[in-house]
Amino acid sequence: MSTNDPRRPDARRELPPLNERIRDREVRLIGEDGSQLGIVPTREALTTARDKGLDLLLVQPDANPPVARILDYGRFKFENEKKARESKKKQHIQDVKEIKMRYKIEDHDFQVKLRAAQKFLSEGDKIKVLTLLRGRELQHADMAINLQSRFADELKDLGLIDKEAKLEGKSVIMILAPLPSRGRPAS
């Protein structure tokens, strides 16, 4: 692969201005404890960092003069990656679960579908409720819509209607979303 290949990002371009890669003549220096050390020439700041066995990182290149900080870059990078992993772990990607039923569903079967929907909503997932219609059943689409309205009423304490029940092709489709206060329990 060539160096101009768009599929392979140039690793040097992604690295932040660190140590010798800082091109500015002077920087506003911040010590490892967070204290302001004033505006100093970059060479002097770099020497100070090297004497302490640390790195000089340009944290605000757009400021005038740019702000540089003395720190252990390896530890800094590790902590940032750790924070990113933690925030990613706390994210919940909302799935759309599907529940299929017929409009002539028996009461016990309806309750089973309802329990599954309650579980999905309590986990913070959306639900796509499909009522399948075959042949002459298409003439009774209003009964399927009533069934879905009843389904939504049973779940009103856990979710709200995201998309009203309507006939699409040979099925009636409704989408329920979890209430905003609900969500996936913290794990």
C-alpha atoms as a PDB file:
ATOM      1  CA  MET A   1       0.000   0.000   0.000  1.00  0.00           C
ATOM      2  CA  SER A   2       1.204   3.467  -0.800  1.00  0.00           C
ATOM      3  CA  THR A   3       1.430   6.252   1.749  1.00  0.00           C
ATOM      4  CA  ASN A   4      -1.388   8.136  -0.035  1.00  0.00           C
ATOM      5  CA  ASP A   5      -3.840   5.265   0.374  1.00  0.00           C
ATOM      6  CA  PRO A   6      -7.128   6.640   1.854  1.00  0.00           C
ATOM      7  CA  ARG A   7      -7.878   3.287   3.512  1.00  0.00           C
ATOM      8  CA  ARG A   8      -4.758   3.516   5.631  1.00  0.00           C
ATOM      9  CA  PRO A   9      -4.590   6.688   7.710  1.00  0.00           C
ATOM     10  CA  ASP A  10      -1.174   8.210   8.231  1.00  0.00           C
ATOM     11  CA  ALA A  11      -0.291   7.437  11.864  1.00  0.00           C
ATOM     12  CA  ARG A  12       1.912  10.526  12.182  1.00  0.00           C
ATOM     13  CA  ARG A  13      -0.970  12.826  11.259  1.00  0.00           C
ATOM     14  CA  GLU A  14      -3.137  11.462  14.089  1.00  0.00           C
ATOM     15  CA  LEU A  15      -0.590  12.010  16.859  1.00  0.00           C
ATOM     16  CA  PRO A  16      -0.994  15.213  18.883  1.00  0.00           C
ATOM     17  CA  PRO A  17       1.856  17.767  18.901  1.00  0.00           C
ATOM     18  CA  LEU A  18       4.234  16.214  21.407  1.00  0.00           C
ATOM     19  CA  ASN A  19       7.802  17.104  22.419  1.00  0.00           C
ATOM     20  CA  GLU A  20       9.850  17.905  19.268  1.00  0.00           C
ATOM     21  CA  ARG A  21       6.741  18.042  17.056  1.00  0.00           C
ATOM     22  CA  ILE A  22       5.696  21.332  18.705  1.00  0.00           C
ATOM     23  CA  ARG A  23       6.498  23.982  16.081  1.00  0.00           C
ATOM     24  CA  ASP A  24       5.654  27.144  18.063  1.00  0.00           C
ATOM     25  CA  ARG A  25       8.461  29.339  19.416  1.00  0.00           C
ATOM     26  CA  GLU A  26       6.876  29.902  22.816  1.00  0.00           C
ATOM     27  CA  VAL A  27       4.086  28.293  24.817  1.00  0.00           C
ATOM     28  CA  ARG A  28       2.037  28.922  27.933  1.00  0.00           C
ATOM     29  CA  LEU A  29       3.348  26.156  30.169  1.00  0.00           C
ATOM     30  CA  ILE A  30       1.288  24.169  32.673  1.00  0.00           C
ATOM     31  CA  GLY A  31       3.128  21.948  35.154  1.00  0.00           C
ATOM     32  CA  GLU A  32       2.312  18.312  35.909  1.00  0.00           C
ATOM     33  CA  ASP A  33       0.356  19.409  39.002  1.00  0.00           C
ATOM     34  CA  GLY A  34      -1.787  21.805  36.919  1.00  0.00           C
ATOM     35  CA  SER A  35      -0.039  25.009  38.023  1.00  0.00           C
ATOM     36  CA  GLN A  36       0.659  27.797  35.513  1.00  0.00           C
ATOM     37  CA  LEU A  37       4.379  28.231  34.898  1.00  0.00           C
ATOM     38  CA  GLY A  38       3.956  31.204  32.540  1.00  0.00           C
ATOM     39  CA  ILE A  39       4.936  31.865  28.938  1.00  0.00           C
ATOM     40  CA  VAL A  40       8.282  30.251  28.117  1.00  0.00           C
ATOM     41  CA  PRO A  41      10.215  29.357  24.944  1.00  0.00           C
ATOM     42  CA  THR A  42       9.348  25.888  23.646  1.00  0.00           C
ATOM     43  CA  ARG A  43      12.956  24.673  23.972  1.00  0.00           C
ATOM     44  CA  GLU A  44      13.011  25.653  27.662  1.00  0.00           C
ATOM     45  CA  ALA A  45       9.637  23.959  28.274  1.00  0.00           C
ATOM     46  CA  LEU A  46      10.895  20.830  26.531  1.00  0.00           C
ATOM     47  CA  THR A  47      14.071  20.794  28.650  1.00  0.00           C
ATOM     48  CA  THR A  48      12.001  21.197  31.842  1.00  0.00           C
ATOM     49  CA  ALA A  49       9.799  18.259  30.831  1.00  0.00           C
ATOM     50  CA  ARG A  50      12.794  16.070  29.920  1.00  0.00           C
ATOM     51  CA  ASP A  51      14.539  16.856  33.232  1.00  0.00           C
ATOM     52  CA  LYS A  52      11.476  15.523  35.059  1.00  0.00           C
ATOM     53  CA  GLY A  53      11.329  12.455  32.795  1.00  0.00           C
ATOM     54  CA  LEU A  54       7.995  13.564  31.322  1.00  0.00           C
ATOM     55  CA  ASP A  55       6.598  14.735  27.977  1.00  0.00           C
ATOM     56  CA  LEU A  56       5.460  18.120  26.678  1.00  0.00           C
ATOM     57  CA  LEU A  57       2.002  17.957  25.072  1.00  0.00           C
ATOM     58  CA  LEU A  58       0.346  20.810  23.191  1.00  0.00           C
ATOM     59  CA  VAL A  59      -3.174  20.814  24.655  1.00  0.00           C
ATOM     60  CA  GLN A  60      -4.537  23.996  23.023  1.00  0.00           C
ATOM     61  CA  PRO A  61      -2.755  24.732  19.760  1.00  0.00           C
ATOM     62  CA  ASP A  62      -5.248  27.453  18.736  1.00  0.00           C
ATOM     63  CA  ALA A  63      -4.687  29.658  21.807  1.00  0.00           C
ATOM     64  CA  ASN A  64      -2.340  32.632  21.663  1.00  0.00           C
ATOM     65  CA  PRO A  65       0.245  31.595  22.788  1.00  0.00           C
ATOM     66  CA  PRO A  66      -0.499  27.856  22.518  1.00  0.00           C
ATOM     67  CA  VAL A  67      -0.948  25.988  25.799  1.00  0.00           C
ATOM     68  CA  ALA A  68       1.423  23.092  26.527  1.00  0.00           C
ATOM     69  CA  ARG A  69       1.351  20.760  29.503  1.00  0.00           C
ATOM     70  CA  ILE A  70       4.038  18.681  31.175  1.00  0.00           C
ATOM     71  CA  LEU A  71       2.744  15.140  31.700  1.00  0.00           C
ATOM     72  CA  ASP A  72       3.436  11.444  31.286  1.00  0.00           C
ATOM     73  CA  TYR A  73       1.998  10.906  27.804  1.00  0.00           C
ATOM     74  CA  GLY A  74       1.684   7.122  28.175  1.00  0.00           C
ATOM     75  CA  ARG A  75      -0.429   7.498  31.298  1.00  0.00           C
ATOM     76  CA  PHE A  76      -2.435  10.363  29.747  1.00  0.00           C
ATOM     77  CA  LYS A  77      -3.222   8.228  26.686  1.00  0.00           C
ATOM     78  CA  PHE A  78      -4.160   5.215  28.850  1.00  0.00           C
ATOM     79  CA  GLU A  79      -6.551   7.289  30.995  1.00  0.00           C
ATOM     80  CA  ASN A  80      -8.230   8.798  27.929  1.00  0.00           C
ATOM     81  CA  GLU A  81      -8.706   5.344  26.409  1.00  0.00           C
ATOM     82  CA  LYS A  82     -10.082   4.078  29.728  1.00  0.00           C
ATOM     83  CA  LYS A  83     -12.612   6.951  29.855  1.00  0.00           C
ATOM     84  CA  ALA A  84     -13.639   6.205  26.271  1.00  0.00           C
ATOM     85  CA  ARG A  85     -14.147   2.510  27.116  1.00  0.00           C
ATOM     86  CA  GLU A  86     -16.217   3.405  30.197  1.00  0.00           C
ATOM     87  CA  SER A  87     -18.460   5.793  28.269  1.00  0.00           C
ATOM     88  CA  LYS A  88     -18.893   3.208  25.513  1.00  0.00           C
ATOM     89  CA  LYS A  89     -19.818   0.590  28.118  1.00  0.00           C
ATOM     90  CA  LYS A  90     -22.537   2.865  29.517  1.00  0.00           C
ATOM     91  CA  GLN A  91     -24.103   3.464  26.108  1.00  0.00           C
ATOM     92  CA  HIS A  92     -27.160   1.473  25.153  1.00  0.00           C
ATOM     93  CA  ILE A  93     -27.847   0.878  21.495  1.00  0.00           C
ATOM     94  CA  GLN A  94     -31.586   0.687  21.177  1.00  0.00           C
ATOM     95  CA  ASP A  95     -32.695  -2.419  19.319  1.00  0.00           C
ATOM     96  CA  VAL A  96     -36.061  -2.882  17.641  1.00  0.00           C
ATOM     97  CA  LYS A  97     -37.585  -6.164  18.802  1.00  0.00           C
ATOM     98  CA  GLU A  98     -40.382  -7.693  16.774  1.00  0.00           C
ATOM     99  CA  ILE A  99     -43.549  -9.307  18.128  1.00  0.00           C
ATOM    100  CA  LYS A 100     -45.811 -11.115  15.654  1.00  0.00           C
ATOM    101  CA  MET A 101     -49.382 -12.216  16.275  1.00  0.00           C
ATOM    102  CA  ARG A 102     -52.643 -12.906  14.461  1.00  0.00           C
ATOM    103  CA  TYR A 103     -55.776 -10.856  15.091  1.00  0.00           C
ATOM    104  CA  LYS A 104     -57.628 -14.026  16.216  1.00  0.00           C
ATOM    105  CA  ILE A 105     -55.122 -14.568  19.059  1.00  0.00           C
ATOM    106  CA  GLU A 106     -56.297 -16.381  22.191  1.00  0.00           C
ATOM    107  CA  ASP A 107     -56.154 -14.539  25.522  1.00  0.00           C
ATOM    108  CA  HIS A 108     -53.328 -16.622  27.015  1.00  0.00           C
ATOM    109  CA  ASP A 109     -51.204 -16.196  23.882  1.00  0.00           C
ATOM    110  CA  PHE A 110     -51.905 -12.462  24.023  1.00  0.00           C
ATOM    111  CA  GLN A 111     -50.643 -12.391  27.635  1.00  0.00           C
ATOM    112  CA  VAL A 112     -47.452 -14.250  26.616  1.00  0.00           C
ATOM    113  CA  LYS A 113     -46.775 -11.666  23.876  1.00  0.00           C
ATOM    114  CA  LEU A 114     -47.530  -8.898  26.379  1.00  0.00           C
ATOM    115  CA  ARG A 115     -44.982 -10.256  28.889  1.00  0.00           C
ATOM    116  CA  ALA A 116     -42.333 -10.424  26.152  1.00  0.00           C
ATOM    117  CA  ALA A 117     -43.104  -6.818  25.203  1.00  0.00           C
ATOM    118  CA  GLN A 118     -42.873  -5.716  28.859  1.00  0.00           C
ATOM    119  CA  LYS A 119     -39.441  -7.339  29.096  1.00  0.00           C
ATOM    120  CA  PHE A 120     -38.220  -5.618  25.925  1.00  0.00           C
ATOM    121  CA  LEU A 121     -39.519  -2.201  27.004  1.00  0.00           C
ATOM    122  CA  SER A 122     -38.008  -2.522  30.481  1.00  0.00           C
ATOM    123  CA  GLU A 123     -34.636  -3.274  28.821  1.00  0.00           C
ATOM    124  CA  GLY A 124     -34.969  -0.026  26.857  1.00  0.00           C
ATOM    125  CA  ASP A 125     -35.686  -1.537  23.433  1.00  0.00           C
ATOM    126  CA  LYS A 126     -38.309  -0.460  20.908  1.00  0.00           C
ATOM    127  CA  ILE A 127     -40.970  -2.956  19.827  1.00  0.00           C
ATOM    128  CA  LYS A 128     -42.404  -3.477  16.367  1.00  0.00           C
ATOM    129  CA  VAL A 129     -45.799  -5.153  16.782  1.00  0.00           C
ATOM    130  CA  LEU A 130     -46.984  -7.000  13.659  1.00  0.00           C
ATOM    131  CA  THR A 131     -50.464  -8.391  13.282  1.00  0.00           C
ATOM    132  CA  LEU A 132     -50.417 -10.696  10.266  1.00  0.00           C
ATOM    133  CA  LEU A 133     -53.468 -10.903   7.985  1.00  0.00           C
ATOM    134  CA  ARG A 134     -54.028 -13.648   5.391  1.00  0.00           C
ATOM    135  CA  GLY A 135     -56.501 -13.819   2.539  1.00  0.00           C
ATOM    136  CA  ARG A 136     -59.970 -12.659   3.563  1.00  0.00           C
ATOM    137  CA  GLU A 137     -58.619 -11.495   6.934  1.00  0.00           C
ATOM    138  CA  LEU A 138     -57.514  -8.306   5.144  1.00  0.00           C
ATOM    139  CA  GLN A 139     -61.174  -7.230   5.250  1.00  0.00           C
ATOM    140  CA  HIS A 140     -60.894  -7.215   9.067  1.00  0.00           C
ATOM    141  CA  ALA A 141     -57.910  -4.867   9.345  1.00  0.00           C
ATOM    142  CA  ASP A 142     -59.952  -2.748  11.785  1.00  0.00           C
ATOM    143  CA  MET A 143     -60.036  -5.705  14.213  1.00  0.00           C
ATOM    144  CA  ALA A 144     -56.232  -6.000  13.978  1.00  0.00           C
ATOM    145  CA  ILE A 145     -55.888  -2.260  14.659  1.00  0.00           C
ATOM    146  CA  ASN A 146     -58.187  -2.622  17.699  1.00  0.00           C
ATOM    147  CA  LEU A 147     -56.052  -5.532  18.934  1.00  0.00           C
ATOM    148  CA  GLN A 148     -52.924  -3.404  18.653  1.00  0.00           C
ATOM    149  CA  SER A 149     -54.626  -0.500  20.450  1.00  0.00           C
ATOM    150  CA  ARG A 150     -55.471  -2.904  23.281  1.00  0.00           C
ATOM    151  CA  PHE A 151     -51.836  -4.094  23.266  1.00  0.00           C
ATOM    152  CA  ALA A 152     -50.607  -0.471  23.536  1.00  0.00           C
ATOM    153  CA  ASP A 153     -53.087   0.280  26.355  1.00  0.00           C
ATOM    154  CA  GLU A 154     -51.787  -2.689  28.351  1.00  0.00           C
ATOM    155  CA  LEU A 155     -48.228  -1.324  27.994  1.00  0.00           C
ATOM    156  CA  LYS A 156     -48.929   2.388  28.605  1.00  0.00           C
ATOM    157  CA  ASP A 157     -47.047   2.344  31.949  1.00  0.00           C
ATOM    158  CA  LEU A 158     -43.857   1.066  30.219  1.00  0.00           C
ATOM    159  CA  GLY A 159     -43.966   2.570  26.737  1.00  0.00           C
ATOM    160  CA  LEU A 160     -45.614   4.959  24.370  1.00  0.00           C
ATOM    161  CA  ILE A 161     -46.707   4.684  20.760  1.00  0.00           C
ATOM    162  CA  ASP A 162     -43.908   5.775  18.440  1.00  0.00           C
ATOM    163  CA  LYS A 163     -45.816   4.940  15.249  1.00  0.00           C
ATOM    164  CA  GLU A 164     -49.591   4.425  15.221  1.00  0.00           C
ATOM    165  CA  ALA A 165     -51.039   1.100  14.076  1.00  0.00           C
ATOM    166  CA  LYS A 166     -51.707   1.109  10.353  1.00  0.00           C
ATOM    167  CA  LEU A 167     -52.161  -1.386   7.547  1.00  0.00           C
ATOM    168  CA  GLU A 168     -49.015  -1.921   5.489  1.00  0.00           C
ATOM    169  CA  GLY A 169     -49.303  -4.633   2.866  1.00  0.00           C
ATOM    170  CA  LYS A 170     -50.715  -7.759   4.515  1.00  0.00           C
ATOM    171  CA  SER A 171     -49.994  -6.764   8.113  1.00  0.00           C
ATOM    172  CA  VAL A 172     -50.846  -4.076  10.615  1.00  0.00           C
ATOM    173  CA  ILE A 173     -47.726  -2.509  12.095  1.00  0.00           C
ATOM    174  CA  MET A 174     -47.280  -0.412  15.225  1.00  0.00           C
ATOM    175  CA  ILE A 175     -44.044   0.672  16.930  1.00  0.00           C
ATOM    176  CA  LEU A 176     -43.781   1.204  20.689  1.00  0.00           C
ATOM    177  CA  ALA A 177     -40.898   3.020  22.368  1.00  0.00           C
ATOM    178  CA  PRO A 178     -39.892   2.820  26.036  1.00  0.00           C
ATOM    179  CA  LEU A 179     -40.753   5.779  28.235  1.00  0.00           C
ATOM    180  CA  PRO A 180     -37.848   8.253  28.482  1.00  0.00           C
ATOM    181  CA  SER A 181     -37.475   7.660  32.240  1.00  0.00           C
ATOM    182  CA  ARG A 182     -37.108   3.950  31.618  1.00  0.00           C
ATOM    183  CA  GLY A 183     -34.014   2.365  30.194  1.00  0.00           C
ATOM    184  CA  ARG A 184     -31.619  -0.465  30.518  1.00  0.00           C
ATOM    185  CA  PRO A 185     -30.816  -1.113  34.171  1.00  0.00           C
ATOM    186  CA  ALA A 186     -27.280  -0.178  35.181  1.00  0.00           C
ATOM    187  CA  SER A 187     -25.033  -3.221  35.110  1.00  0.00           C
END
